[in-house]
Amino acid sequence: MLRKKSDEKSVKLLQRAYALGYEVGYYQHYESVGWVKKELSKLREEAEKLGILDKLEQIYNLGKEEGKKKRFFAIAEKGELPTMERTVTHSEQRYPFSRIRLQIRTHHRPFFLATPKFLKRRNQF
């Protein structure tokens, strides 16, 4: 009787681990912060007590991978699949730093560094 209850607990625990992994994979949640970290640590503690920590990790990772695949195929069905192809000019290939500088616009002077008008007047101080 005791063995049957522990088996039921372990099955439910593995189901929760798979569901959590699937949600993390599908919605791309961070594992290291917030509610996901708390839930995962609770599941790991319970699995450690039951002695199925390795199995829990395998099931969690399986759920995470299947969630990622499902998200990829859902996006592909909508036709919103991101393409990685981009044409790169010769100057961008030779000078990658200039491409970065142009993206963050460090070559422009910020507007808040301009001298105020009242200081531009003659004989102000």
N, C-alpha and C. Protein backbone atom coordinates (compact mmCIF):
# COMPACT_ATOMS: atom_id res chain seq x y z
N MET A 1 0.83 -1.20 0.00
CA MET A 1 0.00 0.00 0.00
C MET A 1 0.88 1.27 0.00
N LEU A 2 1.93 1.21 0.79
CA LEU A 2 2.82 2.36 0.85
C LEU A 2 3.52 2.59 -0.48
N ARG A 3 3.91 1.54 -1.13
CA ARG A 3 4.58 1.63 -2.42
C ARG A 3 3.67 2.24 -3.47
N LYS A 4 2.40 1.89 -3.44
CA LYS A 4 1.45 2.40 -4.42
C LYS A 4 1.26 3.91 -4.27
N LYS A 5 1.21 4.39 -3.02
CA LYS A 5 1.06 5.83 -2.80
C LYS A 5 2.28 6.59 -3.26
N SER A 6 3.45 6.05 -3.00
CA SER A 6 4.66 6.74 -3.44
C SER A 6 4.77 6.73 -4.97
N ASP A 7 4.30 5.65 -5.61
CA ASP A 7 4.28 5.62 -7.07
C ASP A 7 3.33 6.66 -7.64
N GLU A 8 2.18 6.81 -7.01
CA GLU A 8 1.21 7.82 -7.46
C GLU A 8 1.78 9.23 -7.28
N LYS A 9 2.45 9.44 -6.14
CA LYS A 9 3.07 10.74 -5.91
C LYS A 9 4.15 11.04 -6.94
N SER A 10 4.95 10.03 -7.24
CA SER A 10 6.03 10.25 -8.21
C SER A 10 5.48 10.51 -9.61
N VAL A 11 4.40 9.82 -9.98
CA VAL A 11 3.79 10.04 -11.29
C VAL A 11 3.23 11.46 -11.38
N LYS A 12 2.53 11.90 -10.32
CA LYS A 12 1.99 13.26 -10.32
C LYS A 12 3.10 14.31 -10.34
N LEU A 13 4.17 14.02 -9.62
CA LEU A 13 5.32 14.93 -9.60
C LEU A 13 5.95 15.05 -10.98
N LEU A 14 6.09 13.94 -11.66
CA LEU A 14 6.68 13.96 -13.01
C LEU A 14 5.75 14.66 -14.00
N GLN A 15 4.45 14.50 -13.81
CA GLN A 15 3.49 15.21 -14.67
C GLN A 15 3.60 16.72 -14.46
N ARG A 16 3.74 17.14 -13.20
CA ARG A 16 3.90 18.57 -12.93
C ARG A 16 5.20 19.10 -13.52
N ALA A 17 6.26 18.28 -13.45
CA ALA A 17 7.55 18.69 -14.01
C ALA A 17 7.45 18.83 -15.52
N TYR A 18 6.77 17.90 -16.18
CA TYR A 18 6.61 17.99 -17.63
C TYR A 18 5.81 19.23 -18.01
N ALA A 19 4.73 19.49 -17.26
CA ALA A 19 3.89 20.66 -17.55
C ALA A 19 4.67 21.96 -17.36
N LEU A 20 5.47 22.01 -16.30
CA LEU A 20 6.28 23.21 -16.07
C LEU A 20 7.31 23.38 -17.18
N GLY A 21 7.97 22.31 -17.56
CA GLY A 21 8.95 22.38 -18.64
C GLY A 21 8.32 22.80 -19.96
N TYR A 22 7.14 22.27 -20.24
CA TYR A 22 6.44 22.62 -21.47
C TYR A 22 6.10 24.10 -21.48
N GLU A 23 5.63 24.62 -20.35
CA GLU A 23 5.28 26.04 -20.28
C GLU A 23 6.51 26.92 -20.41
N VAL A 24 7.60 26.52 -19.77
CA VAL A 24 8.84 27.28 -19.87
C VAL A 24 9.34 27.29 -21.32
N GLY A 25 9.26 26.16 -21.99
CA GLY A 25 9.72 26.09 -23.38
C GLY A 25 8.82 26.85 -24.33
N TYR A 26 7.51 26.75 -24.14
CA TYR A 26 6.57 27.37 -25.07
C TYR A 26 6.56 28.89 -24.91
N TYR A 27 6.49 29.36 -23.66
CA TYR A 27 6.39 30.79 -23.43
C TYR A 27 7.75 31.46 -23.21
N GLN A 28 8.82 30.70 -23.26
CA GLN A 28 10.19 31.19 -23.14
C GLN A 28 10.40 31.95 -21.83
N HIS A 29 9.92 31.37 -20.72
CA HIS A 29 10.15 31.96 -19.40
C HIS A 29 11.61 31.74 -18.99
N TYR A 30 12.10 32.61 -18.14
CA TYR A 30 13.43 32.43 -17.58
C TYR A 30 13.34 31.43 -16.45
N GLU A 31 14.31 30.53 -16.39
CA GLU A 31 14.31 29.52 -15.35
C GLU A 31 14.96 30.02 -14.07
N SER A 32 15.78 31.03 -14.16
CA SER A 32 16.60 31.43 -13.02
C SER A 32 15.97 32.50 -12.15
N VAL A 33 14.81 33.02 -12.50
CA VAL A 33 14.19 34.06 -11.69
C VAL A 33 12.69 33.81 -11.56
N GLY A 34 12.11 34.37 -10.53
CA GLY A 34 10.67 34.40 -10.40
C GLY A 34 10.02 33.09 -10.02
N TRP A 35 8.78 32.97 -10.45
CA TRP A 35 7.96 31.84 -10.04
C TRP A 35 8.46 30.52 -10.61
N VAL A 36 9.12 30.54 -11.75
CA VAL A 36 9.61 29.30 -12.35
C VAL A 36 10.71 28.71 -11.47
N LYS A 37 11.57 29.54 -10.96
CA LYS A 37 12.65 29.07 -10.09
C LYS A 37 12.07 28.46 -8.81
N LYS A 38 11.05 29.11 -8.25
CA LYS A 38 10.43 28.59 -7.03
C LYS A 38 9.77 27.24 -7.28
N GLU A 39 9.00 27.15 -8.35
CA GLU A 39 8.32 25.89 -8.67
C GLU A 39 9.31 24.77 -8.94
N LEU A 40 10.35 25.09 -9.67
CA LEU A 40 11.35 24.07 -10.01
C LEU A 40 12.09 23.60 -8.76
N SER A 41 12.38 24.52 -7.86
CA SER A 41 13.06 24.10 -6.63
C SER A 41 12.15 23.25 -5.76
N LYS A 42 10.84 23.57 -5.72
CA LYS A 42 9.90 22.73 -4.98
C LYS A 42 9.83 21.32 -5.58
N LEU A 43 9.76 21.25 -6.89
CA LEU A 43 9.70 19.95 -7.56
C LEU A 43 10.98 19.15 -7.29
N ARG A 44 12.11 19.82 -7.32
CA ARG A 44 13.38 19.12 -7.08
C ARG A 44 13.47 18.60 -5.65
N GLU A 45 12.98 19.39 -4.69
CA GLU A 45 12.99 18.94 -3.30
C GLU A 45 12.13 17.69 -3.12
N GLU A 46 10.94 17.72 -3.69
CA GLU A 46 10.04 16.56 -3.57
C GLU A 46 10.63 15.35 -4.29
N ALA A 47 11.26 15.57 -5.43
CA ALA A 47 11.87 14.47 -6.16
C ALA A 47 13.06 13.89 -5.40
N GLU A 48 13.78 14.75 -4.71
CA GLU A 48 14.91 14.28 -3.90
C GLU A 48 14.41 13.36 -2.78
N LYS A 49 13.29 13.74 -2.17
CA LYS A 49 12.72 12.91 -1.11
C LYS A 49 12.28 11.54 -1.63
N LEU A 50 11.73 11.55 -2.85
CA LEU A 50 11.26 10.29 -3.44
C LEU A 50 12.37 9.52 -4.15
N GLY A 51 13.51 10.16 -4.38
CA GLY A 51 14.63 9.51 -5.02
C GLY A 51 14.54 9.43 -6.54
N ILE A 52 13.84 10.38 -7.14
CA ILE A 52 13.66 10.36 -8.60
C ILE A 52 14.13 11.67 -9.23
N LEU A 53 15.17 12.26 -8.67
CA LEU A 53 15.64 13.56 -9.15
C LEU A 53 16.13 13.50 -10.59
N ASP A 54 16.86 12.45 -10.94
CA ASP A 54 17.36 12.32 -12.32
C ASP A 54 16.22 12.19 -13.32
N LYS A 55 15.23 11.40 -12.96
CA LYS A 55 14.07 11.22 -13.84
C LYS A 55 13.31 12.53 -13.99
N LEU A 56 13.20 13.28 -12.89
CA LEU A 56 12.51 14.57 -12.95
C LEU A 56 13.22 15.52 -13.90
N GLU A 57 14.54 15.58 -13.83
CA GLU A 57 15.31 16.45 -14.73
C GLU A 57 15.10 16.06 -16.19
N GLN A 58 15.09 14.76 -16.46
CA GLN A 58 14.87 14.30 -17.83
C GLN A 58 13.49 14.68 -18.34
N ILE A 59 12.48 14.47 -17.51
CA ILE A 59 11.10 14.79 -17.90
C ILE A 59 10.92 16.30 -18.08
N TYR A 60 11.51 17.09 -17.18
CA TYR A 60 11.42 18.55 -17.29
C TYR A 60 12.05 19.03 -18.59
N ASN A 61 13.24 18.53 -18.91
CA ASN A 61 13.92 18.93 -20.15
C ASN A 61 13.17 18.46 -21.38
N LEU A 62 12.56 17.28 -21.31
CA LEU A 62 11.74 16.79 -22.42
C LEU A 62 10.55 17.72 -22.66
N GLY A 63 9.88 18.12 -21.59
CA GLY A 63 8.76 19.05 -21.71
C GLY A 63 9.19 20.39 -22.26
N LYS A 64 10.35 20.85 -21.84
CA LYS A 64 10.85 22.14 -22.32
C LYS A 64 11.15 22.08 -23.82
N GLU A 65 11.77 21.00 -24.27
CA GLU A 65 12.08 20.86 -25.70
C GLU A 65 10.80 20.74 -26.53
N GLU A 66 9.84 20.00 -26.04
CA GLU A 66 8.59 19.86 -26.80
C GLU A 66 7.82 21.18 -26.84
N GLY A 67 7.90 21.96 -25.76
CA GLY A 67 7.28 23.28 -25.76
C GLY A 67 7.92 24.20 -26.78
N LYS A 68 9.25 24.15 -26.89
CA LYS A 68 9.96 24.97 -27.89
C LYS A 68 9.56 24.57 -29.30
N LYS A 69 9.47 23.25 -29.54
CA LYS A 69 9.08 22.78 -30.87
C LYS A 69 7.67 23.22 -31.21
N LYS A 70 6.77 23.10 -30.26
CA LYS A 70 5.38 23.49 -30.49
C LYS A 70 5.29 24.98 -30.80
N ARG A 71 6.05 25.79 -30.09
CA ARG A 71 6.05 27.23 -30.35
C ARG A 71 6.59 27.52 -31.74
N PHE A 72 7.65 26.84 -32.12
CA PHE A 72 8.24 27.05 -33.44
C PHE A 72 7.24 26.72 -34.54
N PHE A 73 6.55 25.58 -34.40
CA PHE A 73 5.59 25.19 -35.43
C PHE A 73 4.36 26.08 -35.42
N ALA A 74 3.96 26.58 -34.27
CA ALA A 74 2.82 27.50 -34.21
C ALA A 74 3.15 28.81 -34.91
N ILE A 75 4.37 29.28 -34.73
CA ILE A 75 4.79 30.52 -35.40
C ILE A 75 4.92 30.27 -36.90
N ALA A 76 5.42 29.10 -37.28
CA ALA A 76 5.59 28.79 -38.70
C ALA A 76 4.26 28.68 -39.41
N GLU A 77 3.23 28.18 -38.73
CA GLU A 77 1.91 28.07 -39.36
C GLU A 77 1.32 29.45 -39.65
N LYS A 78 1.63 30.41 -38.80
CA LYS A 78 1.11 31.76 -39.00
C LYS A 78 1.87 32.49 -40.10
N GLY A 79 3.01 31.96 -40.49
CA GLY A 79 3.81 32.60 -41.52
C GLY A 79 4.71 33.70 -40.97
N GLU A 80 4.92 33.71 -39.67
CA GLU A 80 5.75 34.73 -39.05
C GLU A 80 7.12 34.19 -38.70
N LEU A 81 7.58 33.21 -39.42
CA LEU A 81 8.85 32.60 -39.13
C LEU A 81 9.97 33.59 -39.39
N PRO A 82 10.78 33.87 -38.39
CA PRO A 82 11.86 34.84 -38.60
C PRO A 82 12.93 34.28 -39.51
N THR A 83 13.40 35.10 -40.41
CA THR A 83 14.46 34.67 -41.30
C THR A 83 15.78 35.22 -40.79
N MET A 84 16.81 34.43 -40.91
CA MET A 84 18.12 34.83 -40.42
C MET A 84 18.97 35.44 -41.54
N GLU A 85 18.48 35.41 -42.77
CA GLU A 85 19.26 35.90 -43.89
C GLU A 85 19.22 37.43 -43.93
N ARG A 86 20.35 38.02 -44.15
CA ARG A 86 20.46 39.47 -44.27
C ARG A 86 21.64 39.76 -45.16
N THR A 87 21.47 40.69 -46.07
CA THR A 87 22.58 41.05 -46.94
C THR A 87 23.50 42.01 -46.20
N VAL A 88 24.76 41.75 -46.27
CA VAL A 88 25.76 42.56 -45.59
C VAL A 88 26.63 43.21 -46.65
N THR A 89 26.80 44.52 -46.55
CA THR A 89 27.62 45.23 -47.52
C THR A 89 29.09 44.98 -47.25
N HIS A 90 29.90 45.36 -48.20
CA HIS A 90 31.35 45.15 -48.09
C HIS A 90 31.92 45.95 -46.91
N SER A 91 31.46 47.17 -46.73
CA SER A 91 31.99 47.99 -45.64
C SER A 91 31.58 47.42 -44.28
N GLU A 92 30.40 46.84 -44.18
CA GLU A 92 29.99 46.23 -42.92
C GLU A 92 30.82 44.99 -42.61
N GLN A 93 31.23 44.28 -43.64
CA GLN A 93 32.07 43.11 -43.41
C GLN A 93 33.45 43.53 -42.92
N ARG A 94 33.96 44.61 -43.45
CA ARG A 94 35.31 45.02 -43.10
C ARG A 94 35.36 45.75 -41.77
N TYR A 95 34.33 46.53 -41.45
CA TYR A 95 34.34 47.34 -40.24
C TYR A 95 33.10 47.07 -39.39
N PRO A 96 33.10 45.99 -38.64
CA PRO A 96 31.91 45.69 -37.84
C PRO A 96 31.66 46.71 -36.74
N PHE A 97 32.73 47.39 -36.28
CA PHE A 97 32.53 48.37 -35.22
C PHE A 97 31.69 49.54 -35.71
N SER A 98 31.87 49.97 -36.96
CA SER A 98 31.09 51.08 -37.48
C SER A 98 29.62 50.72 -37.56
N ARG A 99 29.33 49.45 -37.85
CA ARG A 99 27.94 49.00 -37.89
C ARG A 99 27.33 49.10 -36.50
N ILE A 100 28.07 48.71 -35.48
CA ILE A 100 27.58 48.79 -34.11
C ILE A 100 27.39 50.25 -33.71
N ARG A 101 28.36 51.08 -34.06
CA ARG A 101 28.28 52.49 -33.70
C ARG A 101 27.07 53.15 -34.35
N LEU A 102 26.77 52.80 -35.59
CA LEU A 102 25.62 53.38 -36.26
C LEU A 102 24.32 52.90 -35.65
N GLN A 103 24.29 51.67 -35.15
CA GLN A 103 23.06 51.17 -34.55
C GLN A 103 22.73 51.88 -33.25
N ILE A 104 23.74 52.18 -32.44
CA ILE A 104 23.45 52.84 -31.17
C ILE A 104 23.61 54.35 -31.26
N ARG A 105 23.99 54.85 -32.41
CA ARG A 105 24.05 56.28 -32.70
C ARG A 105 24.97 57.04 -31.75
N THR A 106 26.17 56.54 -31.57
CA THR A 106 27.11 57.25 -30.72
C THR A 106 27.75 58.43 -31.43
N HIS A 107 27.59 58.49 -32.73
CA HIS A 107 28.21 59.58 -33.47
C HIS A 107 27.35 60.84 -33.44
N HIS A 108 26.12 60.77 -32.92
CA HIS A 108 25.27 61.94 -32.81
C HIS A 108 25.41 62.53 -31.41
N ARG A 109 25.39 63.84 -31.36
CA ARG A 109 25.47 64.52 -30.07
C ARG A 109 24.07 64.51 -29.45
N PRO A 110 23.93 64.05 -28.22
CA PRO A 110 22.61 64.03 -27.59
C PRO A 110 22.03 65.42 -27.45
N PHE A 111 20.74 65.56 -27.58
CA PHE A 111 20.11 66.87 -27.56
C PHE A 111 20.23 67.53 -26.19
N PHE A 112 20.31 66.80 -25.14
CA PHE A 112 20.34 67.39 -23.81
C PHE A 112 21.72 67.95 -23.45
N LEU A 113 22.72 67.75 -24.30
CA LEU A 113 24.03 68.34 -24.06
C LEU A 113 24.20 69.68 -24.75
N ALA A 114 23.18 70.10 -25.45
CA ALA A 114 23.25 71.41 -26.12
C ALA A 114 23.22 72.52 -25.07
N THR A 115 23.89 73.61 -25.36
CA THR A 115 23.93 74.75 -24.44
C THR A 115 22.57 75.44 -24.43
N PRO A 116 22.02 75.71 -23.26
CA PRO A 116 20.72 76.40 -23.18
C PRO A 116 20.78 77.78 -23.83
N LYS A 117 19.65 78.23 -24.31
CA LYS A 117 19.59 79.50 -25.04
C LYS A 117 20.00 80.68 -24.17
N PHE A 118 19.63 80.67 -22.89
CA PHE A 118 19.95 81.82 -22.05
C PHE A 118 21.45 81.92 -21.80
N LEU A 119 22.19 80.85 -21.97
CA LEU A 119 23.63 80.94 -21.82
C LEU A 119 24.32 81.33 -23.12
N LYS A 120 23.62 81.23 -24.22
CA LYS A 120 24.19 81.59 -25.51
C LYS A 120 24.19 83.11 -25.73
N ARG A 121 23.35 83.82 -25.00
CA ARG A 121 23.28 85.26 -25.18
C ARG A 121 24.58 85.94 -24.76
N ARG A 122 24.86 87.09 -25.36
CA ARG A 122 26.09 87.81 -25.05
C ARG A 122 25.96 88.53 -23.72
N ASN A 123 27.05 88.66 -23.07
CA ASN A 123 27.14 89.39 -21.81
C ASN A 123 26.19 88.84 -20.76
N GLN A 124 25.98 87.56 -20.75
CA GLN A 124 25.05 86.98 -19.79
C GLN A 124 25.65 86.96 -18.40
N PHE A 125 26.94 86.59 -18.28
CA PHE A 125 27.57 86.50 -16.96
C PHE A 125 28.82 87.31 -16.91
